N, C-alpha and C. Protein backbone atom coordinates (compact mmCIF):
# COMPACT_ATOMS: atom_id res chain seq x y z
N UNK A 1 0.81 -1.16 0.00
CA UNK A 1 0.00 0.00 0.00
C UNK A 1 0.86 1.23 0.00
N UNK A 2 0.39 2.20 -0.72
CA UNK A 2 1.15 3.44 -0.80
C UNK A 2 0.65 4.42 0.27
N UNK A 3 1.56 5.24 0.70
CA UNK A 3 1.18 6.26 1.68
C UNK A 3 0.38 7.35 0.98
N UNK A 4 -0.59 7.95 1.67
CA UNK A 4 -1.37 9.01 1.04
C UNK A 4 -0.49 10.21 0.73
N UNK A 5 -0.83 10.85 -0.37
CA UNK A 5 -0.05 12.03 -0.78
C UNK A 5 -0.45 13.22 0.07
N UNK A 6 0.50 14.07 0.42
CA UNK A 6 0.15 15.25 1.22
C UNK A 6 -0.69 16.23 0.40
N UNK A 7 -1.52 16.98 1.11
CA UNK A 7 -2.35 18.01 0.48
C UNK A 7 -1.44 19.14 0.02
N UNK A 8 -1.61 19.65 -1.24
CA UNK A 8 -0.69 20.65 -1.77
C UNK A 8 -0.56 21.89 -0.90
N UNK A 9 -1.64 22.39 -0.31
CA UNK A 9 -1.52 23.64 0.47
C UNK A 9 -0.80 23.42 1.78
N UNK A 10 -0.68 22.18 2.23
CA UNK A 10 0.03 21.88 3.47
C UNK A 10 1.51 22.12 3.31
N UNK A 11 2.02 22.14 2.07
CA UNK A 11 3.45 22.37 1.85
C UNK A 11 3.83 23.83 2.04
N UNK A 12 2.87 24.72 2.08
CA UNK A 12 3.18 26.14 2.19
C UNK A 12 3.76 26.50 3.54
N UNK A 13 3.39 25.81 4.56
CA UNK A 13 3.88 26.12 5.89
C UNK A 13 4.70 24.96 6.39
N UNK A 14 5.95 25.22 6.86
CA UNK A 14 6.78 24.13 7.34
C UNK A 14 6.19 23.48 8.59
N UNK A 15 5.35 24.19 9.33
CA UNK A 15 4.79 23.63 10.57
C UNK A 15 3.48 22.89 10.32
N UNK A 16 2.90 23.05 9.16
CA UNK A 16 1.62 22.42 8.89
C UNK A 16 1.79 20.93 8.79
N UNK A 17 0.99 20.13 9.50
CA UNK A 17 1.11 18.68 9.42
C UNK A 17 0.55 18.19 8.10
N UNK A 18 1.09 17.11 7.64
CA UNK A 18 0.59 16.52 6.40
C UNK A 18 -0.72 15.84 6.71
N UNK A 19 -1.73 16.14 5.91
CA UNK A 19 -3.05 15.56 6.11
C UNK A 19 -3.25 14.45 5.10
N UNK A 20 -3.83 13.42 5.55
CA UNK A 20 -4.16 12.34 4.63
C UNK A 20 -5.48 12.65 3.95
N UNK A 21 -5.92 11.77 3.08
CA UNK A 21 -7.16 11.97 2.36
C UNK A 21 -8.33 12.04 3.33
N UNK A 22 -8.29 11.25 4.38
CA UNK A 22 -9.37 11.27 5.36
C UNK A 22 -9.39 12.60 6.11
N UNK A 23 -8.20 13.11 6.45
CA UNK A 23 -8.11 14.39 7.16
C UNK A 23 -8.60 15.54 6.30
N UNK A 24 -8.25 15.53 5.00
CA UNK A 24 -8.69 16.58 4.09
C UNK A 24 -10.20 16.52 3.93
N UNK A 25 -10.75 15.31 3.88
CA UNK A 25 -12.19 15.16 3.73
C UNK A 25 -12.92 15.72 4.96
N UNK A 26 -12.39 15.46 6.15
CA UNK A 26 -13.00 15.99 7.38
C UNK A 26 -12.90 17.50 7.39
N UNK A 27 -11.74 18.03 6.95
CA UNK A 27 -11.54 19.47 6.91
C UNK A 27 -12.52 20.10 5.95
N UNK A 28 -12.69 19.54 4.78
CA UNK A 28 -13.63 20.07 3.80
C UNK A 28 -15.06 19.99 4.31
N UNK A 29 -15.40 18.92 4.96
CA UNK A 29 -16.76 18.77 5.48
C UNK A 29 -17.02 19.81 6.57
N UNK A 30 -16.02 20.06 7.39
CA UNK A 30 -16.19 21.05 8.46
C UNK A 30 -16.35 22.44 7.88
N UNK A 31 -15.66 22.74 6.79
CA UNK A 31 -15.72 24.07 6.19
C UNK A 31 -16.95 24.27 5.32
N UNK A 32 -17.56 23.18 4.89
CA UNK A 32 -18.68 23.33 3.96
C UNK A 32 -19.98 23.72 4.65
N UNK A 33 -20.06 23.53 5.96
CA UNK A 33 -21.28 23.92 6.66
C UNK A 33 -21.26 25.41 6.94
N UNK A 34 -22.35 26.04 6.68
CA UNK A 34 -22.45 27.47 6.96
C UNK A 34 -22.54 27.67 8.47
N UNK A 35 -21.97 28.77 8.92
CA UNK A 35 -22.04 29.09 10.34
C UNK A 35 -23.51 29.33 10.70
N UNK A 36 -23.89 28.94 11.89
CA UNK A 36 -25.29 29.16 12.26
C UNK A 36 -25.58 30.66 12.31
N UNK A 37 -26.73 31.03 11.80
CA UNK A 37 -27.09 32.45 11.80
C UNK A 37 -27.49 32.85 13.22
N UNK A 38 -27.18 34.09 13.59
CA UNK A 38 -27.55 34.54 14.94
C UNK A 38 -29.07 34.58 15.05
N UNK A 39 -29.56 34.40 16.26
CA UNK A 39 -31.02 34.43 16.43
C UNK A 39 -31.56 35.80 16.05
N UNK A 40 -32.73 35.81 15.49
CA UNK A 40 -33.36 37.08 15.10
C UNK A 40 -33.62 37.88 16.36
N UNK A 41 -33.32 39.19 16.30
CA UNK A 41 -33.57 40.01 17.49
C UNK A 41 -35.07 40.08 17.77
N UNK A 42 -35.37 40.11 19.05
CA UNK A 42 -36.77 40.20 19.43
C UNK A 42 -37.27 41.61 19.09
N UNK A 43 -38.48 41.72 18.62
CA UNK A 43 -38.99 43.05 18.29
C UNK A 43 -39.08 43.91 19.55
N UNK A 44 -38.75 45.18 19.39
CA UNK A 44 -38.81 46.10 20.54
C UNK A 44 -40.27 46.34 20.88
N UNK A 45 -40.55 46.46 22.16
CA UNK A 45 -41.95 46.71 22.53
C UNK A 45 -42.40 48.06 21.99
N UNK A 46 -43.62 48.13 21.61
CA UNK A 46 -44.18 49.39 21.10
C UNK A 46 -44.19 50.41 22.23
N UNK A 47 -43.89 51.67 21.90
CA UNK A 47 -43.92 52.68 22.97
C UNK A 47 -45.34 52.82 23.52
N UNK A 48 -45.40 53.10 24.79
CA UNK A 48 -46.70 53.26 25.42
C UNK A 48 -47.38 54.49 24.83
N UNK A 49 -48.63 54.40 24.50
CA UNK A 49 -49.30 55.57 23.95
C UNK A 49 -49.37 56.66 25.01
N UNK A 50 -49.19 57.92 24.59
CA UNK A 50 -49.26 58.98 25.59
C UNK A 50 -50.65 59.04 26.19
N UNK A 51 -50.69 59.31 27.48
CA UNK A 51 -52.00 59.40 28.10
C UNK A 51 -52.70 60.65 27.58
N UNK A 52 -53.97 60.56 27.45
CA UNK A 52 -54.74 61.66 26.89
C UNK A 52 -54.75 62.86 27.82
N UNK A 53 -54.89 64.03 27.23
CA UNK A 53 -55.02 65.23 28.04
C UNK A 53 -56.48 65.41 28.41
N UNK A 54 -56.72 66.17 29.45
CA UNK A 54 -58.09 66.40 29.87
C UNK A 54 -58.72 67.51 29.03
N UNK A 55 -60.03 67.56 29.02
CA UNK A 55 -60.75 68.61 28.30
C UNK A 55 -60.53 69.94 29.02
N UNK A 56 -60.24 71.02 28.29
CA UNK A 56 -59.97 72.31 28.93
C UNK A 56 -61.07 72.80 29.87
N UNK A 57 -62.34 72.48 29.57
CA UNK A 57 -63.42 72.97 30.44
C UNK A 57 -63.38 72.33 31.83
N UNK A 58 -62.68 71.22 31.99
CA UNK A 58 -62.56 70.57 33.30
C UNK A 58 -61.72 71.44 34.24
N UNK A 59 -60.70 72.11 33.72
CA UNK A 59 -59.83 72.93 34.56
C UNK A 59 -60.26 74.39 34.60
N UNK A 60 -61.10 74.82 33.68
CA UNK A 60 -61.50 76.23 33.61
C UNK A 60 -62.16 76.67 34.91
N UNK A 61 -61.87 77.90 35.28
CA UNK A 61 -62.47 78.47 36.48
C UNK A 61 -61.50 79.39 37.20
N UNK A 62 -61.92 79.90 38.35
CA UNK A 62 -61.10 80.81 39.16
C UNK A 62 -60.48 80.03 40.31
N UNK A 63 -59.23 80.36 40.60
CA UNK A 63 -58.48 79.67 41.64
C UNK A 63 -57.84 80.68 42.59
N UNK A 64 -57.72 80.31 43.84
CA UNK A 64 -56.93 81.05 44.81
C UNK A 64 -55.56 80.38 44.79
N UNK A 65 -54.53 81.15 44.51
CA UNK A 65 -53.19 80.63 44.27
C UNK A 65 -52.32 80.86 45.50
N UNK A 66 -51.62 79.83 45.94
CA UNK A 66 -50.65 79.94 47.03
C UNK A 66 -49.31 79.51 46.48
N UNK A 67 -48.30 80.36 46.66
CA UNK A 67 -46.97 80.07 46.12
C UNK A 67 -45.95 80.04 47.24
N UNK A 68 -44.94 79.23 47.06
CA UNK A 68 -43.80 79.16 47.98
C UNK A 68 -42.55 79.30 47.13
N UNK A 69 -41.80 80.36 47.38
CA UNK A 69 -40.60 80.62 46.59
C UNK A 69 -39.35 80.18 47.35
N UNK A 70 -38.39 79.63 46.60
CA UNK A 70 -37.14 79.21 47.21
C UNK A 70 -36.33 80.44 47.59
N UNK A 71 -35.37 80.24 48.48
CA UNK A 71 -34.58 81.34 48.99
C UNK A 71 -33.72 82.03 47.96
N UNK A 72 -33.18 81.30 46.99
CA UNK A 72 -32.29 81.90 46.00
C UNK A 72 -33.03 82.06 44.69
N UNK A 73 -32.69 83.07 43.94
CA UNK A 73 -33.29 83.30 42.64
C UNK A 73 -32.53 82.57 41.55
N UNK A 74 -31.88 81.46 41.89
CA UNK A 74 -31.22 80.60 40.90
C UNK A 74 -29.87 81.12 40.50
N UNK A 75 -29.00 80.20 40.16
CA UNK A 75 -27.70 80.55 39.62
C UNK A 75 -26.83 81.34 40.58
N UNK A 76 -27.17 81.37 41.87
CA UNK A 76 -26.35 82.08 42.84
C UNK A 76 -26.41 83.59 42.67
N UNK A 77 -27.49 84.15 42.13
CA UNK A 77 -27.57 85.58 41.92
C UNK A 77 -27.61 86.35 43.23
N UNK A 78 -28.15 85.74 44.26
CA UNK A 78 -28.11 86.35 45.58
C UNK A 78 -28.10 85.25 46.62
N UNK A 79 -27.62 85.50 47.80
CA UNK A 79 -27.53 84.43 48.79
C UNK A 79 -28.91 83.89 49.15
N UNK A 80 -28.93 82.61 49.44
CA UNK A 80 -30.18 81.96 49.81
C UNK A 80 -30.60 82.38 51.20
N UNK A 81 -31.89 82.59 51.38
CA UNK A 81 -32.43 82.89 52.71
C UNK A 81 -32.78 81.58 53.38
N UNK A 82 -32.90 81.63 54.68
CA UNK A 82 -33.34 80.43 55.38
C UNK A 82 -34.81 80.21 55.10
N UNK A 83 -35.15 78.98 54.74
CA UNK A 83 -36.54 78.66 54.48
C UNK A 83 -37.02 79.24 53.16
N UNK A 84 -38.31 79.24 52.99
CA UNK A 84 -38.91 79.76 51.78
C UNK A 84 -40.04 80.70 52.15
N UNK A 85 -40.29 81.65 51.28
CA UNK A 85 -41.35 82.62 51.53
C UNK A 85 -42.64 82.13 50.89
N UNK A 86 -43.70 82.07 51.68
CA UNK A 86 -45.00 81.65 51.15
C UNK A 86 -45.84 82.89 50.91
N UNK A 87 -46.56 82.91 49.79
CA UNK A 87 -47.43 84.03 49.47
C UNK A 87 -48.82 83.49 49.19
N UNK A 88 -49.79 84.17 49.79
CA UNK A 88 -51.18 83.81 49.53
C UNK A 88 -51.86 85.02 48.91
N UNK A 89 -53.05 84.79 48.41
CA UNK A 89 -53.82 85.91 47.88
C UNK A 89 -53.63 86.13 46.39
N UNK A 90 -52.77 85.37 45.76
CA UNK A 90 -52.63 85.49 44.31
C UNK A 90 -53.83 84.80 43.67
N UNK A 91 -54.18 85.26 42.48
CA UNK A 91 -55.35 84.72 41.80
C UNK A 91 -54.97 84.18 40.43
N UNK A 92 -55.74 83.20 39.99
CA UNK A 92 -55.54 82.58 38.69
C UNK A 92 -56.92 82.29 38.11
N UNK A 93 -57.09 82.65 36.86
CA UNK A 93 -58.34 82.33 36.16
C UNK A 93 -57.99 81.65 34.84
N UNK A 94 -58.51 80.44 34.65
CA UNK A 94 -58.30 79.69 33.41
C UNK A 94 -59.61 79.72 32.61
N UNK A 95 -59.49 80.09 31.34
CA UNK A 95 -60.66 80.15 30.47
C UNK A 95 -60.51 79.15 29.34
N UNK A 96 -61.60 78.91 28.64
CA UNK A 96 -61.56 77.99 27.49
C UNK A 96 -61.49 78.74 26.17
N UNK A 97 -61.34 80.05 26.23
CA UNK A 97 -61.19 80.87 25.03
C UNK A 97 -59.77 80.72 24.51
N UNK A 98 -59.63 80.46 23.22
CA UNK A 98 -58.28 80.35 22.64
C UNK A 98 -57.59 81.71 22.70
N UNK A 99 -56.31 81.68 22.98
CA UNK A 99 -55.51 82.90 23.07
C UNK A 99 -55.41 83.55 21.70
N UNK A 100 -55.71 84.85 21.61
CA UNK A 100 -55.70 85.55 20.32
C UNK A 100 -54.31 85.58 19.70
N UNK A 101 -53.28 85.80 20.51
CA UNK A 101 -51.90 85.83 20.01
C UNK A 101 -51.11 84.77 20.78
N UNK A 102 -51.09 83.51 20.28
CA UNK A 102 -50.39 82.44 21.01
C UNK A 102 -48.91 82.75 21.22
N UNK A 103 -48.38 82.25 22.31
CA UNK A 103 -46.97 82.43 22.62
C UNK A 103 -46.12 81.67 21.60
N UNK A 104 -45.07 82.30 21.14
CA UNK A 104 -44.16 81.63 20.20
C UNK A 104 -43.16 80.78 20.97
N UNK A 105 -42.69 79.72 20.35
CA UNK A 105 -41.64 78.91 20.94
C UNK A 105 -42.09 77.89 21.97
N UNK A 106 -43.39 77.66 22.09
CA UNK A 106 -43.86 76.63 23.01
C UNK A 106 -44.43 75.48 22.21
N UNK A 107 -44.46 74.30 22.82
CA UNK A 107 -44.85 73.09 22.10
C UNK A 107 -46.34 72.99 21.84
N UNK A 108 -47.15 73.75 22.53
CA UNK A 108 -48.60 73.65 22.39
C UNK A 108 -49.10 74.43 21.18
N UNK A 109 -49.85 73.77 20.34
CA UNK A 109 -50.42 74.46 19.20
C UNK A 109 -51.72 75.17 19.57
N UNK A 110 -52.42 74.64 20.57
CA UNK A 110 -53.65 75.28 21.05
C UNK A 110 -53.39 75.82 22.45
N UNK A 111 -53.49 77.14 22.58
CA UNK A 111 -53.27 77.79 23.87
C UNK A 111 -54.54 78.53 24.26
N UNK A 112 -54.85 78.47 25.55
CA UNK A 112 -56.05 79.11 26.05
C UNK A 112 -55.68 80.32 26.90
N UNK A 113 -56.66 81.20 27.09
CA UNK A 113 -56.46 82.44 27.84
C UNK A 113 -56.51 82.18 29.34
N UNK A 114 -55.59 82.83 30.04
CA UNK A 114 -55.57 82.80 31.50
C UNK A 114 -55.29 84.21 31.99
N UNK A 115 -55.65 84.48 33.21
CA UNK A 115 -55.33 85.74 33.87
C UNK A 115 -54.72 85.38 35.22
N UNK A 116 -53.58 86.02 35.52
CA UNK A 116 -52.88 85.69 36.77
C UNK A 116 -52.43 86.96 37.47
N UNK A 117 -52.48 86.93 38.80
CA UNK A 117 -51.97 88.00 39.64
C UNK A 117 -50.99 87.35 40.61
N UNK A 118 -49.73 87.73 40.49
CA UNK A 118 -48.69 87.16 41.34
C UNK A 118 -47.69 88.28 41.64
N UNK A 119 -47.80 88.85 42.84
CA UNK A 119 -47.01 90.02 43.21
C UNK A 119 -45.52 89.81 42.94
N UNK A 120 -44.92 90.78 42.28
CA UNK A 120 -43.49 90.74 41.97
C UNK A 120 -43.17 90.03 40.66
N UNK A 121 -44.13 89.31 40.11
CA UNK A 121 -43.88 88.55 38.89
C UNK A 121 -44.82 88.90 37.75
N UNK A 122 -45.96 89.52 38.06
CA UNK A 122 -46.90 89.92 37.02
C UNK A 122 -47.08 91.43 37.05
N UNK A 123 -47.53 91.96 35.92
CA UNK A 123 -47.83 93.38 35.81
C UNK A 123 -49.15 93.51 35.05
N UNK A 124 -50.19 93.89 35.77
CA UNK A 124 -51.50 94.04 35.15
C UNK A 124 -51.58 95.38 34.42
N UNK A 125 -52.12 95.38 33.22
CA UNK A 125 -52.32 96.65 32.53
C UNK A 125 -53.32 97.52 33.29
N UNK A 126 -53.25 98.82 33.05
CA UNK A 126 -54.15 99.76 33.74
C UNK A 126 -55.61 99.35 33.49
N UNK A 127 -56.37 99.29 34.55
CA UNK A 127 -57.79 98.96 34.46
C UNK A 127 -58.08 97.46 34.50
N UNK A 128 -57.06 96.62 34.62
CA UNK A 128 -57.27 95.17 34.67
C UNK A 128 -56.80 94.64 36.02
N UNK A 129 -57.38 93.53 36.43
CA UNK A 129 -57.02 92.98 37.74
C UNK A 129 -55.83 92.04 37.67
N UNK A 130 -55.47 91.56 36.49
CA UNK A 130 -54.36 90.63 36.39
C UNK A 130 -53.69 90.69 35.02
N UNK A 131 -52.65 89.94 34.89
CA UNK A 131 -51.89 89.88 33.64
C UNK A 131 -52.38 88.71 32.79
N UNK A 132 -52.46 88.92 31.49
CA UNK A 132 -52.87 87.86 30.58
C UNK A 132 -51.76 86.83 30.49
N UNK A 133 -52.14 85.57 30.49
CA UNK A 133 -51.21 84.45 30.38
C UNK A 133 -51.80 83.43 29.41
N UNK A 134 -50.99 82.46 29.05
CA UNK A 134 -51.45 81.35 28.21
C UNK A 134 -51.43 80.09 29.04
N UNK A 135 -52.34 79.18 28.74
CA UNK A 135 -52.31 77.87 29.41
C UNK A 135 -52.73 76.81 28.41
N UNK A 136 -52.23 75.59 28.66
CA UNK A 136 -52.59 74.46 27.80
C UNK A 136 -52.43 73.17 28.60
N UNK A 137 -53.34 72.19 28.31
CA UNK A 137 -53.21 70.89 28.97
C UNK A 137 -52.11 70.07 28.33
N UNK A 138 -51.47 69.22 29.11
CA UNK A 138 -50.46 68.29 28.61
C UNK A 138 -50.82 66.89 29.11
N UNK A 139 -50.27 65.83 28.52
CA UNK A 139 -50.65 64.47 28.93
C UNK A 139 -50.47 64.23 30.42
N UNK A 140 -51.32 63.38 30.93
CA UNK A 140 -51.22 62.97 32.32
C UNK A 140 -51.96 63.86 33.29
N UNK A 141 -53.07 64.47 32.87
CA UNK A 141 -53.87 65.31 33.76
C UNK A 141 -53.08 66.51 34.26
N UNK A 142 -52.18 67.02 33.42
CA UNK A 142 -51.32 68.14 33.81
C UNK A 142 -51.55 69.33 32.90
N UNK A 143 -50.99 70.47 33.30
CA UNK A 143 -51.11 71.67 32.49
C UNK A 143 -49.90 72.57 32.69
N UNK A 144 -49.76 73.52 31.77
CA UNK A 144 -48.71 74.53 31.84
C UNK A 144 -49.38 75.89 31.73
N UNK A 145 -48.98 76.82 32.56
CA UNK A 145 -49.44 78.21 32.50
C UNK A 145 -48.18 79.04 32.30
N UNK A 146 -48.17 79.91 31.29
CA UNK A 146 -46.95 80.70 31.01
C UNK A 146 -47.32 82.15 30.77
N UNK A 147 -46.45 83.06 31.29
CA UNK A 147 -46.65 84.49 31.08
C UNK A 147 -45.29 85.18 31.14
N UNK A 148 -45.16 86.35 30.47
CA UNK A 148 -43.90 87.10 30.57
C UNK A 148 -43.76 87.70 31.96
N UNK A 149 -42.53 87.73 32.47
CA UNK A 149 -42.31 88.28 33.81
C UNK A 149 -42.53 89.79 33.78
N UNK A 150 -42.74 90.36 34.95
CA UNK A 150 -42.99 91.80 35.06
C UNK A 150 -41.83 92.61 34.51
N UNK A 151 -40.62 92.09 34.61
CA UNK A 151 -39.44 92.81 34.09
C UNK A 151 -39.27 92.65 32.59
N UNK A 152 -39.94 91.67 32.01
CA UNK A 152 -39.90 91.49 30.57
C UNK A 152 -38.69 90.75 30.04
N UNK A 153 -37.79 90.30 30.89
CA UNK A 153 -36.59 89.61 30.42
C UNK A 153 -36.68 88.10 30.57
N UNK A 154 -37.87 87.62 30.92
CA UNK A 154 -38.03 86.18 31.15
C UNK A 154 -39.49 85.81 31.05
N UNK A 155 -39.73 84.51 31.01
CA UNK A 155 -41.08 83.97 31.11
C UNK A 155 -41.15 83.17 32.39
N UNK A 156 -42.32 83.14 32.97
CA UNK A 156 -42.57 82.34 34.16
C UNK A 156 -43.55 81.24 33.75
N UNK A 157 -43.26 80.01 34.17
CA UNK A 157 -44.14 78.88 33.89
C UNK A 157 -44.56 78.22 35.19
N UNK A 158 -45.84 77.93 35.28
CA UNK A 158 -46.37 77.09 36.35
C UNK A 158 -46.68 75.77 35.68
N UNK A 159 -46.02 74.71 36.10
CA UNK A 159 -46.22 73.38 35.53
C UNK A 159 -46.78 72.50 36.63
N UNK A 160 -47.99 72.02 36.43
CA UNK A 160 -48.59 71.25 37.51
C UNK A 160 -49.60 70.23 37.05
N UNK A 161 -50.14 69.54 38.03
CA UNK A 161 -51.12 68.48 37.78
C UNK A 161 -52.44 68.87 38.43
N UNK A 162 -53.50 68.43 37.81
CA UNK A 162 -54.85 68.66 38.30
C UNK A 162 -55.26 67.47 39.15
N UNK A 163 -55.76 67.75 40.34
CA UNK A 163 -56.26 66.70 41.23
C UNK A 163 -57.60 67.16 41.76
N UNK A 164 -58.66 66.68 41.14
CA UNK A 164 -60.00 67.12 41.54
C UNK A 164 -60.19 68.59 41.24
N UNK A 165 -60.43 69.38 42.28
CA UNK A 165 -60.65 70.83 42.12
C UNK A 165 -59.39 71.64 42.44
N UNK A 166 -58.23 70.99 42.47
CA UNK A 166 -56.99 71.67 42.82
C UNK A 166 -55.92 71.47 41.75
N UNK A 167 -54.97 72.38 41.74
CA UNK A 167 -53.78 72.28 40.90
C UNK A 167 -52.57 72.39 41.82
N UNK A 168 -51.50 71.70 41.49
CA UNK A 168 -50.26 71.86 42.25
C UNK A 168 -49.09 71.50 41.36
N UNK A 169 -47.96 72.16 41.63
CA UNK A 169 -46.77 71.89 40.83
C UNK A 169 -45.64 72.85 41.13
N UNK A 170 -44.80 73.08 40.12
CA UNK A 170 -43.59 73.89 40.25
C UNK A 170 -43.69 75.18 39.47
N UNK A 171 -42.94 76.19 39.93
CA UNK A 171 -42.85 77.47 39.23
C UNK A 171 -41.44 77.56 38.66
N UNK A 172 -41.35 77.83 37.35
CA UNK A 172 -40.06 77.86 36.65
C UNK A 172 -39.80 79.23 36.04
N UNK A 173 -38.55 79.64 36.05
CA UNK A 173 -38.08 80.89 35.44
C UNK A 173 -37.32 80.52 34.16
N UNK A 174 -37.67 81.16 33.06
CA UNK A 174 -37.01 80.89 31.78
C UNK A 174 -36.51 82.21 31.22
N UNK A 175 -35.20 82.41 31.21
CA UNK A 175 -34.61 83.64 30.70
C UNK A 175 -34.73 83.70 29.18
N UNK A 176 -35.25 84.81 28.67
CA UNK A 176 -35.37 84.94 27.22
C UNK A 176 -34.04 85.28 26.58
N UNK A 177 -33.13 85.86 27.32
CA UNK A 177 -31.82 86.23 26.76
C UNK A 177 -30.83 85.08 26.73
N UNK A 178 -30.70 84.38 27.84
CA UNK A 178 -29.68 83.33 27.94
C UNK A 178 -30.23 81.92 27.81
N UNK A 179 -31.53 81.77 27.95
CA UNK A 179 -32.11 80.43 27.92
C UNK A 179 -31.98 79.69 29.24
N UNK A 180 -31.50 80.36 30.26
CA UNK A 180 -31.35 79.76 31.59
C UNK A 180 -32.73 79.39 32.14
N UNK A 181 -32.83 78.19 32.70
CA UNK A 181 -34.08 77.73 33.30
C UNK A 181 -33.76 77.25 34.71
N UNK A 182 -34.53 77.72 35.68
CA UNK A 182 -34.40 77.19 37.03
C UNK A 182 -35.73 77.28 37.76
N UNK A 183 -35.85 76.47 38.80
CA UNK A 183 -37.08 76.42 39.56
C UNK A 183 -37.10 77.55 40.59
N UNK A 184 -38.20 78.32 40.56
CA UNK A 184 -38.38 79.40 41.53
C UNK A 184 -39.04 78.90 42.82
N UNK A 185 -39.94 77.95 42.68
CA UNK A 185 -40.66 77.49 43.85
C UNK A 185 -41.76 76.53 43.46
N UNK A 186 -42.80 76.49 44.30
CA UNK A 186 -43.93 75.59 44.06
C UNK A 186 -45.23 76.37 44.22
N UNK A 187 -46.31 75.78 43.73
CA UNK A 187 -47.61 76.43 43.88
C UNK A 187 -48.69 75.39 44.15
N UNK A 188 -49.75 75.85 44.76
CA UNK A 188 -50.99 75.09 44.87
C UNK A 188 -52.12 76.08 44.55
N UNK A 189 -53.15 75.59 43.92
CA UNK A 189 -54.28 76.45 43.56
C UNK A 189 -55.56 75.69 43.88
N UNK A 190 -56.46 76.36 44.56
CA UNK A 190 -57.73 75.77 44.94
C UNK A 190 -58.84 76.50 44.20
N UNK A 191 -59.70 75.73 43.52
CA UNK A 191 -60.78 76.31 42.73
C UNK A 191 -61.81 76.97 43.66
N UNK A 192 -62.21 78.19 43.29
CA UNK A 192 -63.23 78.92 44.06
C UNK A 192 -64.61 78.41 43.76
């Protein structure tokens, strides 16, 4: 019997062992199978649908507003006081009338008319009891109320949730010049 001839490509490397016909056949069989394909990725879950907003007439009405302001006016502009100052007697009125001149740069396409009185932050025109503001509902039984500050260099936003006949949430300062945003305090509003 003759010895099997070495595979021609085995001569290329001095360290490669000589393979017999059986070894070459096993090698070819091993190479002929395709690698198993990776498992198909599981489909990503569909995003949860946003919760619906409430009808504007549900929140419409007059509210007695109570605010609590933090000690610092943000960004270290002045030293923080101990505790927070609470103010009562501010008023808020939400209407279902669409705002004649909607605020630019906000995400809401439909904005409703509001009137707010908040000492130090609003400026009522002569003959009016409060400053005109915009408000709109957002998903999750929440709403946003926005108005220009009395100084005119910023907007003030009340972002809160409706719970029965009350509203509560945070008060935010938004600088129109620098885009700086910080929390001024919190508010609660009870429907009259």
